[in-house]
């Protein structure tokens, strides 16, 4: 009985950590400073080695994708622009 509870608790802790990690990643993405000009967004995607435009993607989708990629990689557009 005790072993099963411990195993379940470990699984709960791992799920909690994964959810917390995802929440923090999304919070970083929301707080991320991302260029607004279409040409700047495309240039950042190109510099990061990603496709400039995906099929059916509009400028807002492209900017959201850049925001997500920057959050995942830990990049900050403003910090790099100031350097």
Protein backbone atom coordinates (compact mmCIF):
# COMPACT_ATOMS: atom_id res chain seq x y z
CA UNK A 1 0.00 0.00 0.00
CA UNK A 2 2.67 2.53 0.99
CA UNK A 3 4.80 1.87 -2.10
CA UNK A 4 1.86 2.57 -4.42
CA UNK A 5 1.15 5.86 -2.68
CA UNK A 6 4.76 6.92 -3.02
CA UNK A 7 4.72 6.05 -6.71
CA UNK A 8 1.54 8.04 -7.22
CA UNK A 9 2.99 10.98 -5.28
CA UNK A 10 6.13 10.97 -7.42
CA UNK A 11 3.98 11.03 -10.55
CA UNK A 12 1.95 13.90 -9.13
CA UNK A 13 5.10 15.87 -8.36
CA UNK A 14 6.45 15.28 -11.88
CA UNK A 15 3.15 16.39 -13.44
CA UNK A 16 3.10 19.46 -11.20
CA UNK A 17 6.67 20.39 -12.20
CA UNK A 18 5.86 19.97 -15.89
CA UNK A 19 2.77 22.19 -15.55
CA UNK A 20 4.72 24.80 -13.62
CA UNK A 21 7.45 24.79 -16.28
CA UNK A 22 4.86 25.29 -19.04
CA UNK A 23 3.20 28.11 -17.07
CA UNK A 24 6.56 29.87 -16.62
CA UNK A 25 7.39 29.46 -20.33
CA UNK A 26 4.07 31.03 -21.28
CA UNK A 27 4.59 33.89 -18.82
CA UNK A 28 8.04 34.57 -20.34
CA UNK A 29 6.48 34.55 -23.81
CA UNK A 30 3.82 37.08 -22.78
CA UNK A 31 6.44 39.37 -21.24
CA UNK A 32 8.81 39.04 -24.20
CA UNK A 33 9.56 42.20 -26.16
CA UNK A 34 9.12 41.25 -29.83
CA UNK A 35 9.64 43.51 -32.85
CA UNK A 36 6.41 44.76 -34.45
CA UNK A 37 7.62 45.68 -37.95
CA UNK A 38 7.06 42.84 -40.42
CA UNK A 39 10.59 43.16 -41.84
CA UNK A 40 12.11 43.03 -38.34
CA UNK A 41 10.10 39.94 -37.39
CA UNK A 42 11.19 38.18 -40.59
CA UNK A 43 14.82 39.18 -40.00
CA UNK A 44 14.74 37.77 -36.43
CA UNK A 45 13.22 34.49 -37.62
CA UNK A 46 15.84 34.23 -40.35
CA UNK A 47 18.64 34.99 -37.87
CA UNK A 48 17.34 32.26 -35.57
CA UNK A 49 17.42 29.76 -38.45
CA UNK A 50 13.64 29.37 -38.74
CA UNK A 51 11.41 29.73 -41.80
CA UNK A 52 10.40 33.34 -42.42
CA UNK A 53 6.79 32.38 -43.19
CA UNK A 54 4.88 29.16 -42.72
CA UNK A 55 2.06 28.22 -45.10
CA UNK A 56 -1.07 30.22 -44.30
CA UNK A 57 0.67 32.34 -41.67
CA UNK A 58 -0.26 36.03 -41.44
CA UNK A 59 1.94 38.74 -39.83
CA UNK A 60 0.26 38.33 -36.41
CA UNK A 61 0.79 34.55 -36.49
CA UNK A 62 4.43 35.09 -37.52
CA UNK A 63 4.99 37.48 -34.62
CA UNK A 64 3.38 35.03 -32.17
CA UNK A 65 5.63 32.26 -33.48
CA UNK A 66 8.69 34.50 -33.02
CA UNK A 67 7.57 35.33 -29.46
CA UNK A 68 7.27 31.62 -28.66
CA UNK A 69 10.64 30.79 -30.20
CA UNK A 70 12.34 33.62 -28.32
CA UNK A 71 10.79 32.50 -25.02
CA UNK A 72 11.92 28.92 -25.62
CA UNK A 73 15.46 29.99 -26.42
CA UNK A 74 15.65 32.64 -23.69
CA UNK A 75 16.37 35.45 -26.16
CA UNK A 76 15.32 39.05 -25.54
CA UNK A 77 15.01 41.33 -28.57
CA UNK A 78 15.42 44.56 -26.61
CA UNK A 79 18.51 43.39 -24.77
CA UNK A 80 20.14 42.32 -28.03
CA UNK A 81 19.14 45.53 -29.82
CA UNK A 82 20.70 47.60 -27.03
CA UNK A 83 23.98 45.66 -27.22
